[in-house]
């Protein structure tokens, strides 16, 4: 399907509200799309163990500080000569939410300091902030706007120069988005546009020299639309489509610019069966077409699914799967197809003690080069809410990465043990 066709479909979907008559009375607006018949273990209200937010004027305000210690067996994600270290982290965070009867405004901010006890050059600051607003036009009709900014560092296990740089690669992101949702009776329509930018700092290499990262700086503009039709108050079918345009600031030396256009079209179903399960499952097709023919296009099946099963009131089982095109950190490859499948079990052993286990598999299939990275991860954790002000979490993580192909990086694995204490204000 050409981009002109997908853009026409998106426009048609966003015009659906104008074609829909008032088929339901006001009191029925939205009742077919409520998905609160089940409550997951991690969502359950625990007021006796969670400090209530402070009231400041028309806002509820909360603050938290997290202190943690982690032991990582392979901090540089290397195949041999693994280097272990202990990392101390401090993460203060802040959030505010309006208490208005109509409209809403939410803001959040956090900063994270990671201090490596032996390898001090790995120590970094990360920070992020965001705001989300909602304007209620009328019942069943509202507009959302959001903006965010992040100052981040790339994980050593990432592709490209991350494993070779003398220090973690720094990058900044910024996003702004707006969307409109209209509901009438059994029909709900949503349209949105968002713009995202990423800006990477050059990487000084451990062996000398500099790896230019300007080829990774880009701006993505995405337009999306979705139409839901309720079969019953518990089940709805939907169709959604999105198009994207990715514009890069500068090509890598000797290579063409990686500008591209893409689309995703999916149909699916979302449901909330009281006492049993809830979730969303969608499948369709995707394509990412690059302006320069030297880069191979990405296409094929697209799917997005997340299903929660509630075998008992104290246990939640979550299964998710996605397949989508991503931007590559490797200059010779414009992008890759990411496939991610995971399963998680959360169990409320006591009212204030939650046990969790997660297993995930990921595959990154690179376009234009002979490389495929497979990731296997196992995580076990326990969360103990001591009282309203203090919580403790302990976790064990095992990561195995297998990289194959002529352009593969070395295989590696790591074991991370972590314990943290959260202090809620």
Protein backbone atom coordinates (compact mmCIF):
# COMPACT_ATOMS: atom_id res chain seq x y z
CA UNK A 1 0.00 0.00 0.00
CA UNK A 2 1.47 3.38 -1.05
CA UNK A 3 1.77 6.30 1.38
CA UNK A 4 -0.97 8.19 -0.53
CA UNK A 5 -3.36 5.33 0.18
CA UNK A 6 -2.58 5.15 3.88
CA UNK A 7 -2.90 8.94 4.28
CA UNK A 8 -6.28 8.82 2.54
CA UNK A 9 -7.39 6.10 4.97
CA UNK A 10 -6.26 8.17 7.95
CA UNK A 11 -8.19 11.21 6.74
CA UNK A 12 -11.28 9.06 6.20
CA UNK A 13 -11.03 7.64 9.71
CA UNK A 14 -10.71 11.06 11.32
CA UNK A 15 -13.82 12.27 9.46
CA UNK A 16 -15.99 9.45 10.76
CA UNK A 17 -17.48 11.54 13.65
CA UNK A 18 -19.00 13.93 11.13
CA UNK A 19 -20.80 11.01 9.49
CA UNK A 20 -22.17 9.51 12.70
CA UNK A 21 -25.55 10.57 13.94
CA UNK A 22 -26.60 10.86 17.56
CA UNK A 23 -27.50 7.22 17.95
CA UNK A 24 -27.28 7.12 21.73
CA UNK A 25 -28.42 9.28 24.62
CA UNK A 26 -25.87 11.27 26.61
CA UNK A 27 -25.91 8.93 29.58
CA UNK A 28 -24.63 6.10 27.38
CA UNK A 29 -21.55 7.97 26.13
CA UNK A 30 -18.44 5.86 26.79
CA UNK A 31 -20.11 3.01 28.70
CA UNK A 32 -19.21 0.57 25.92
CA UNK A 33 -15.49 1.35 26.29
CA UNK A 34 -14.95 1.17 30.03
CA UNK A 35 -12.22 -1.35 30.82
CA UNK A 36 -12.34 -1.42 34.62
CA UNK A 37 -14.07 -4.74 35.23
CA UNK A 38 -10.76 -6.28 36.31
CA UNK A 39 -7.97 -4.92 38.48
CA UNK A 40 -4.41 -6.16 38.02
CA UNK A 41 -2.29 -6.95 41.07
CA UNK A 42 0.04 -4.00 40.42
CA UNK A 43 -2.93 -1.63 40.00
CA UNK A 44 -4.76 -2.61 43.17
CA UNK A 45 -5.42 0.18 45.64
CA UNK A 46 -3.36 -0.17 48.82
CA UNK A 47 -4.22 3.02 50.65
CA UNK A 48 -2.98 1.69 53.96
CA UNK A 49 0.52 1.29 52.43
CA UNK A 50 0.66 4.22 50.00
CA UNK A 51 1.06 7.78 51.23
CA UNK A 52 -1.75 10.04 49.98
CA UNK A 53 -0.67 13.01 47.83
CA UNK A 54 -0.45 16.43 49.44
CA UNK A 55 -3.09 18.97 48.46
CA UNK A 56 -1.78 22.28 47.12
CA UNK A 57 -4.57 24.46 45.79
CA UNK A 58 -6.24 22.64 42.89
CA UNK A 59 -3.49 20.02 42.63
CA UNK A 60 -2.50 16.77 44.30
CA UNK A 61 1.29 16.69 44.63
CA UNK A 62 3.52 13.73 45.42
CA UNK A 63 7.28 13.31 45.73
CA UNK A 64 9.45 10.23 46.05
CA UNK A 65 13.13 9.39 46.38
CA UNK A 66 14.58 6.01 45.49
CA UNK A 67 17.95 4.76 46.70
CA UNK A 68 19.40 1.57 45.26
CA UNK A 69 22.46 -0.65 45.07
CA UNK A 70 23.08 -3.00 42.15
CA UNK A 71 25.78 -5.54 41.37
CA UNK A 72 26.37 -6.05 37.62
CA UNK A 73 28.61 -8.92 36.46
CA UNK A 74 29.33 -7.39 33.02
CA UNK A 75 28.96 -3.60 32.96
CA UNK A 76 30.55 -3.20 29.50
CA UNK A 77 28.52 -6.01 27.87
CA UNK A 78 31.65 -7.77 26.59
CA UNK A 79 32.15 -11.34 25.38
CA UNK A 80 35.33 -11.88 27.41
CA UNK A 81 37.26 -10.11 30.16
CA UNK A 82 34.02 -9.20 31.88
CA UNK A 83 34.17 -6.29 34.30
CA UNK A 84 31.93 -6.36 37.37
CA UNK A 85 30.98 -3.34 39.45
CA UNK A 86 28.59 -2.07 42.09
CA UNK A 87 26.31 0.82 41.11
CA UNK A 88 24.67 3.17 43.58
CA UNK A 89 21.67 5.10 42.29
CA UNK A 90 19.62 8.01 43.55
CA UNK A 91 16.36 8.98 41.84
CA UNK A 92 14.16 11.80 43.13
CA UNK A 93 10.82 12.26 41.34
CA UNK A 94 7.89 14.66 41.48
CA UNK A 95 4.34 14.55 40.21
CA UNK A 96 1.31 16.85 40.26
CA UNK A 97 -2.25 16.18 39.11
CA UNK A 98 -5.19 18.56 38.94
CA UNK A 99 -8.38 17.93 40.92
CA UNK A 100 -10.70 19.86 38.61
CA UNK A 101 -14.15 18.47 37.87
CA UNK A 102 -13.58 19.15 34.17
CA UNK A 103 -10.35 19.14 32.17
CA UNK A 104 -7.10 17.85 33.67
CA UNK A 105 -3.42 18.67 33.88
CA UNK A 106 -0.63 16.33 34.98
CA UNK A 107 3.07 17.11 35.29
CA UNK A 108 6.02 14.95 36.29
CA UNK A 109 9.80 15.22 36.54
CA UNK A 110 12.62 12.98 37.70
CA UNK A 111 16.41 12.80 37.74
CA UNK A 112 18.65 9.76 38.18
CA UNK A 113 22.26 9.64 39.28
CA UNK A 114 24.07 6.34 38.70
CA UNK A 115 27.43 6.15 40.47
CA UNK A 116 29.84 3.30 39.63
CA UNK A 117 32.06 2.53 42.60
CA UNK A 118 35.11 1.32 40.61
CA UNK A 119 34.57 2.50 37.03
CA UNK A 120 33.77 6.12 37.79
CA UNK A 121 33.83 7.13 34.10
CA UNK A 122 30.58 5.18 33.71
CA UNK A 123 28.76 7.39 36.23
CA UNK A 124 25.97 9.40 34.62
CA UNK A 125 23.02 11.72 35.17
CA UNK A 126 19.69 11.11 33.44
CA UNK A 127 16.64 13.40 33.65
CA UNK A 128 13.15 13.62 32.21
CA UNK A 129 10.11 15.86 32.47
CA UNK A 130 6.66 15.88 30.94
CA UNK A 131 3.22 17.44 31.01
CA UNK A 132 -0.14 16.10 29.83
CA UNK A 133 -3.31 18.16 29.48
CA UNK A 134 -6.88 17.21 28.66
CA UNK A 135 -9.58 19.60 27.47
CA UNK A 136 -13.15 18.31 27.83
CA UNK A 137 -15.21 19.77 25.01
CA UNK A 138 -18.36 17.87 25.93
CA UNK A 139 -19.28 14.45 27.23
CA UNK A 140 -17.48 11.88 25.07
CA UNK A 141 -15.47 14.52 23.20
CA UNK A 142 -12.06 15.69 24.44
CA UNK A 143 -8.63 16.85 23.28
CA UNK A 144 -5.31 15.65 24.71
CA UNK A 145 -1.98 17.46 24.44
CA UNK A 146 1.39 16.30 25.77
CA UNK A 147 5.02 17.40 25.77
CA UNK A 148 8.14 15.78 27.19
CA UNK A 149 11.93 16.10 27.21
CA UNK A 150 14.64 13.66 28.26
CA UNK A 151 18.38 13.77 28.84
CA UNK A 152 19.58 10.16 28.62
CA UNK A 153 22.59 7.89 28.22
CA UNK A 154 22.71 4.82 26.01
CA UNK A 155 22.98 1.39 27.58
CA UNK A 156 26.23 -0.49 26.95
CA UNK A 157 24.27 -3.42 25.55
CA UNK A 158 22.93 -1.25 22.70
CA UNK A 159 24.14 -1.71 19.12
CA UNK A 160 26.59 0.57 17.32
CA UNK A 161 29.31 2.47 19.17
CA UNK A 162 27.84 1.99 22.64
CA UNK A 163 30.08 -0.98 23.42
CA UNK A 164 33.22 0.77 22.09
CA UNK A 165 32.93 4.28 23.52
CA UNK A 166 35.13 5.48 26.38
CA UNK A 167 32.07 6.80 28.21
CA UNK A 168 28.32 6.16 27.84
CA UNK A 169 26.85 7.96 24.80
CA UNK A 170 24.61 10.89 25.76
CA UNK A 171 21.51 11.88 23.84
CA UNK A 172 18.50 14.16 24.21
CA UNK A 173 14.91 13.60 23.10
CA UNK A 174 11.88 15.88 22.90
CA UNK A 175 8.28 15.09 21.96
CA UNK A 176 5.06 16.99 21.48
CA UNK A 177 1.70 15.40 20.68
CA UNK A 178 -1.97 16.26 20.31
CA UNK A 179 -5.01 14.04 19.88
CA UNK A 180 -8.79 14.19 19.75
CA UNK A 181 -11.25 11.50 20.87
CA UNK A 182 -14.96 11.42 20.08
CA UNK A 183 -17.41 8.82 21.41
CA UNK A 184 -21.03 8.35 20.48
CA UNK A 185 -22.91 5.26 21.53
CA UNK A 186 -21.06 2.19 20.27
CA UNK A 187 -18.50 4.13 18.19
CA UNK A 188 -15.30 5.82 19.31
CA UNK A 189 -12.90 7.68 17.01
CA UNK A 190 -9.42 8.94 17.80
CA UNK A 191 -6.95 10.95 15.73
CA UNK A 192 -3.49 12.11 16.79
CA UNK A 193 -0.29 13.72 15.61
CA UNK A 194 3.06 13.67 17.37
CA UNK A 195 6.54 14.96 16.63
CA UNK A 196 9.65 13.38 18.19
CA UNK A 197 13.30 14.44 17.93
CA UNK A 198 16.51 12.66 18.99
CA UNK A 199 19.95 14.28 19.20
CA UNK A 200 23.03 12.12 19.92
CA UNK A 201 26.41 13.32 21.19
CA UNK A 202 29.57 12.08 19.46
CA UNK A 203 31.31 9.17 21.17
CA UNK A 204 34.97 9.22 22.14
CA UNK A 205 36.26 5.68 21.54
CA UNK A 206 38.13 3.73 24.20
CA UNK A 207 41.00 3.00 21.78
CA UNK A 208 41.26 6.60 20.58
CA UNK A 209 39.38 8.61 18.00
CA UNK A 210 35.76 9.75 17.85
CA UNK A 211 32.68 7.98 16.51
CA UNK A 212 30.49 10.62 14.85
CA UNK A 213 26.87 10.10 15.92
CA UNK A 214 25.30 12.93 13.92
CA UNK A 215 23.94 10.39 11.43
CA UNK A 216 21.50 9.28 14.17
CA UNK A 217 19.92 12.70 14.76
CA UNK A 218 16.42 12.78 13.31
CA UNK A 219 12.89 14.12 13.60
CA UNK A 220 9.87 11.84 13.25
CA UNK A 221 6.36 13.09 12.53
CA UNK A 222 3.58 10.56 12.99
CA UNK A 223 -0.13 10.83 12.18
CA UNK A 224 -2.50 8.14 13.44
CA UNK A 225 -6.20 7.36 13.52
CA UNK A 226 -8.34 4.66 15.12
CA UNK A 227 -12.02 3.70 14.99
CA UNK A 228 -13.58 1.37 17.60
CA UNK A 229 -16.96 -0.29 17.32
CA UNK A 230 -18.40 -1.89 20.45
CA UNK A 231 -19.95 -5.32 20.09
CA UNK A 232 -20.97 -5.21 23.76
CA UNK A 233 -19.93 -3.27 26.88
CA UNK A 234 -17.10 -5.82 27.26
CA UNK A 235 -15.84 -6.25 23.68
CA UNK A 236 -14.97 -3.86 20.84
CA UNK A 237 -13.37 -4.31 17.44
CA UNK A 238 -11.17 -1.62 15.94
CA UNK A 239 -9.15 -0.52 12.93
CA UNK A 240 -6.17 1.78 13.18
CA UNK A 241 -3.63 3.26 10.82
CA UNK A 242 -0.59 5.44 11.17
CA UNK A 243 1.92 7.06 8.84
CA UNK A 244 5.35 8.38 9.74
CA UNK A 245 8.01 10.56 8.18
CA UNK A 246 11.55 10.33 9.53
CA UNK A 247 13.94 13.12 8.52
CA UNK A 248 17.64 12.87 9.40
CA UNK A 249 19.83 15.91 9.95
CA UNK A 250 22.95 14.58 8.22
CA UNK A 251 24.14 11.33 6.61
CA UNK A 252 27.03 9.29 7.94
CA UNK A 253 30.33 9.84 6.14
CA UNK A 254 30.24 8.08 2.79
CA UNK A 255 26.64 6.92 3.19
CA UNK A 256 23.31 8.22 1.96
CA UNK A 257 20.82 9.99 4.18
CA UNK A 258 18.45 7.66 5.99
CA UNK A 259 15.21 9.61 5.47
CA UNK A 260 12.18 7.33 5.19
CA UNK A 261 8.39 7.15 5.15
CA UNK A 262 6.34 4.36 6.61
CA UNK A 263 2.91 3.17 7.62
CA UNK A 264 1.18 0.59 9.80
CA UNK A 265 -2.40 -0.65 9.27
CA UNK A 266 -3.98 -3.02 11.79
CA UNK A 267 -7.32 -4.44 12.83
CA UNK A 268 -7.98 -5.90 16.24
CA UNK A 269 -10.18 -6.44 19.25
CA UNK A 270 -10.04 -5.16 22.82
CA UNK A 271 -11.99 -6.65 25.69
CA UNK A 272 -12.54 -6.73 29.43
CA UNK A 273 -14.26 -9.91 30.57
CA UNK A 274 -15.05 -9.49 34.26
CA UNK A 275 -13.22 -11.95 36.50
CA UNK A 276 -11.42 -13.56 33.56
CA UNK A 277 -9.24 -11.47 31.26
CA UNK A 278 -8.78 -8.17 29.48
CA UNK A 279 -6.52 -6.90 26.77
CA UNK A 280 -6.01 -5.81 23.19
CA UNK A 281 -4.88 -7.85 20.18
CA UNK A 282 -4.17 -6.37 16.75
CA UNK A 283 -2.48 -7.52 13.55
CA UNK A 284 -1.84 -6.05 10.12
CA UNK A 285 0.94 -4.91 7.80
CA UNK A 286 3.81 -2.44 8.02
CA UNK A 287 6.26 -0.81 5.65
CA UNK A 288 9.21 1.53 6.07
CA UNK A 289 10.48 2.81 2.72
CA UNK A 290 13.83 4.60 2.49
CA UNK A 291 14.45 7.49 0.12
CA UNK A 292 17.83 6.15 -0.95
CA UNK A 293 17.66 2.79 -2.78
CA UNK A 294 20.95 1.67 -1.20
CA UNK A 295 19.00 1.00 2.00
CA UNK A 296 16.67 -2.00 1.87
CA UNK A 297 13.03 -1.33 2.75
CA UNK A 298 11.38 -2.99 5.76
CA UNK A 299 7.95 -4.58 5.35
CA UNK A 300 5.84 -7.51 6.45
CA UNK A 301 3.48 -8.38 9.26
CA UNK A 302 2.71 -6.06 12.15
CA UNK A 303 1.21 -7.13 15.45
CA UNK A 304 0.64 -5.64 18.89
CA UNK A 305 -0.94 -7.56 21.72
CA UNK A 306 -1.22 -7.37 25.48
CA UNK A 307 -3.52 -9.72 27.37
CA UNK A 308 -3.97 -9.97 31.12
CA UNK A 309 -5.41 -13.16 32.63
CA UNK A 310 -6.73 -13.29 36.18
CA UNK A 311 -6.63 -16.91 37.40
CA UNK A 312 -7.36 -15.64 40.91
CA UNK A 313 -7.93 -12.25 42.50
CA UNK A 314 -4.38 -12.39 43.84
CA UNK A 315 -2.59 -13.33 40.61
CA UNK A 316 -2.23 -11.56 37.27
CA UNK A 317 -0.60 -13.14 34.21
CA UNK A 318 0.36 -10.74 31.41
CA UNK A 319 1.45 -11.76 27.90
CA UNK A 320 2.55 -9.22 25.28
CA UNK A 321 3.95 -9.28 21.75
CA UNK A 322 5.00 -6.59 19.28
CA UNK A 323 6.63 -6.34 15.85
CA UNK A 324 7.69 -2.94 14.55
CA UNK A 325 10.43 -1.15 12.51
CA UNK A 326 13.07 0.72 14.54
CA UNK A 327 15.90 3.11 13.76
CA UNK A 328 19.39 1.62 13.74
CA UNK A 329 22.46 2.78 15.66
CA UNK A 330 24.67 1.22 12.96
CA UNK A 331 25.65 3.54 10.09
CA UNK A 332 25.54 0.80 7.44
CA UNK A 333 21.96 -0.18 8.35
CA UNK A 334 19.10 2.31 8.19
CA UNK A 335 16.82 0.27 10.45
CA UNK A 336 15.80 -3.08 11.84
CA UNK A 337 12.66 -5.04 12.60
CA UNK A 338 12.14 -5.61 16.30
CA UNK A 339 10.13 -8.56 17.54
CA UNK A 340 9.42 -8.66 21.27
CA UNK A 341 7.50 -11.32 23.23
CA UNK A 342 7.18 -11.39 27.01
CA UNK A 343 5.25 -12.99 29.83
CA UNK A 344 4.91 -11.82 33.42
CA UNK A 345 3.29 -13.16 36.57
CA UNK A 346 2.47 -10.92 39.55
CA UNK A 347 1.24 -12.50 42.78
CA UNK A 348 0.04 -10.78 45.93
CA UNK A 349 1.49 -13.08 48.57
CA UNK A 350 0.47 -10.64 51.30
CA UNK A 351 -1.39 -7.38 51.10
CA UNK A 352 1.94 -5.56 51.21
CA UNK A 353 4.20 -8.20 49.61
CA UNK A 354 4.13 -8.74 45.84
CA UNK A 355 6.19 -11.35 43.97
CA UNK A 356 6.83 -10.96 40.24
CA UNK A 357 8.54 -12.97 37.52
CA UNK A 358 9.08 -12.03 33.88
CA UNK A 359 10.57 -13.77 30.86
CA UNK A 360 11.11 -12.04 27.53
CA UNK A 361 12.53 -12.78 24.09
CA UNK A 362 13.54 -10.16 21.56
CA UNK A 363 14.91 -10.36 18.03
CA UNK A 364 16.42 -7.43 16.10
CA UNK A 365 16.73 -8.25 12.40
CA UNK A 366 18.84 -5.59 10.68
CA UNK A 367 18.14 -4.40 7.16
CA UNK A 368 21.04 -3.87 4.74
CA UNK A 369 23.60 -5.86 6.73
CA UNK A 370 23.95 -9.48 7.78
CA UNK A 371 23.10 -9.25 11.47
CA UNK A 372 20.47 -10.48 13.88
CA UNK A 373 20.52 -9.99 17.66
CA UNK A 374 18.50 -12.23 19.97
CA UNK A 375 17.88 -11.24 23.58
CA UNK A 376 16.70 -13.51 26.38
CA UNK A 377 15.90 -11.97 29.75
CA UNK A 378 14.65 -13.39 33.04
CA UNK A 379 13.65 -11.17 35.98
CA UNK A 380 12.48 -12.16 39.45
CA UNK A 381 11.49 -9.48 41.97
CA UNK A 382 9.79 -8.89 45.29
CA UNK A 383 8.18 -5.65 46.48
CA UNK A 384 7.56 -5.08 50.17
CA UNK A 385 5.49 -2.07 51.23
CA UNK A 386 6.66 -1.56 54.80
CA UNK A 387 4.33 1.36 55.49
CA UNK A 388 2.93 4.44 53.78
CA UNK A 389 6.34 6.07 53.54
CA UNK A 390 8.79 3.25 52.89
CA UNK A 391 8.92 0.48 50.30
CA UNK A 392 11.64 -2.06 49.49
CA UNK A 393 12.21 -3.93 46.24
CA UNK A 394 14.75 -6.65 45.42
CA UNK A 395 15.34 -8.15 41.98
CA UNK A 396 17.56 -10.56 40.05
CA UNK A 397 18.03 -10.18 36.29
CA UNK A 398 19.69 -12.52 33.79
CA UNK A 399 20.35 -11.23 30.26
CA UNK A 400 21.75 -13.26 27.34
CA UNK A 401 22.40 -11.66 23.94
CA UNK A 402 23.27 -13.79 20.89
CA UNK A 403 24.42 -11.84 17.85
CA UNK A 404 24.80 -13.66 14.53
CA UNK A 405 25.79 -12.78 10.95
CA UNK A 406 28.82 -11.32 9.22
CA UNK A 407 28.29 -7.93 10.95
CA UNK A 408 27.52 -9.40 14.38
CA UNK A 409 28.88 -8.08 17.63
CA UNK A 410 30.13 -10.59 20.19
CA UNK A 411 27.69 -12.56 22.33
CA UNK A 412 27.48 -11.57 25.97
CA UNK A 413 25.53 -12.15 29.16
CA UNK A 414 25.11 -10.41 32.48
CA UNK A 415 23.67 -10.97 35.93
CA UNK A 416 22.34 -8.06 37.95
CA UNK A 417 21.24 -8.16 41.58
CA UNK A 418 19.51 -5.03 42.83
CA UNK A 419 17.89 -3.78 46.02
CA UNK A 420 16.18 -0.41 46.39
CA UNK A 421 14.38 1.60 49.02
CA UNK A 422 11.65 4.08 48.10
CA UNK A 423 10.86 6.99 50.38
CA UNK A 424 7.50 8.63 49.70
CA UNK A 425 6.93 12.17 50.91
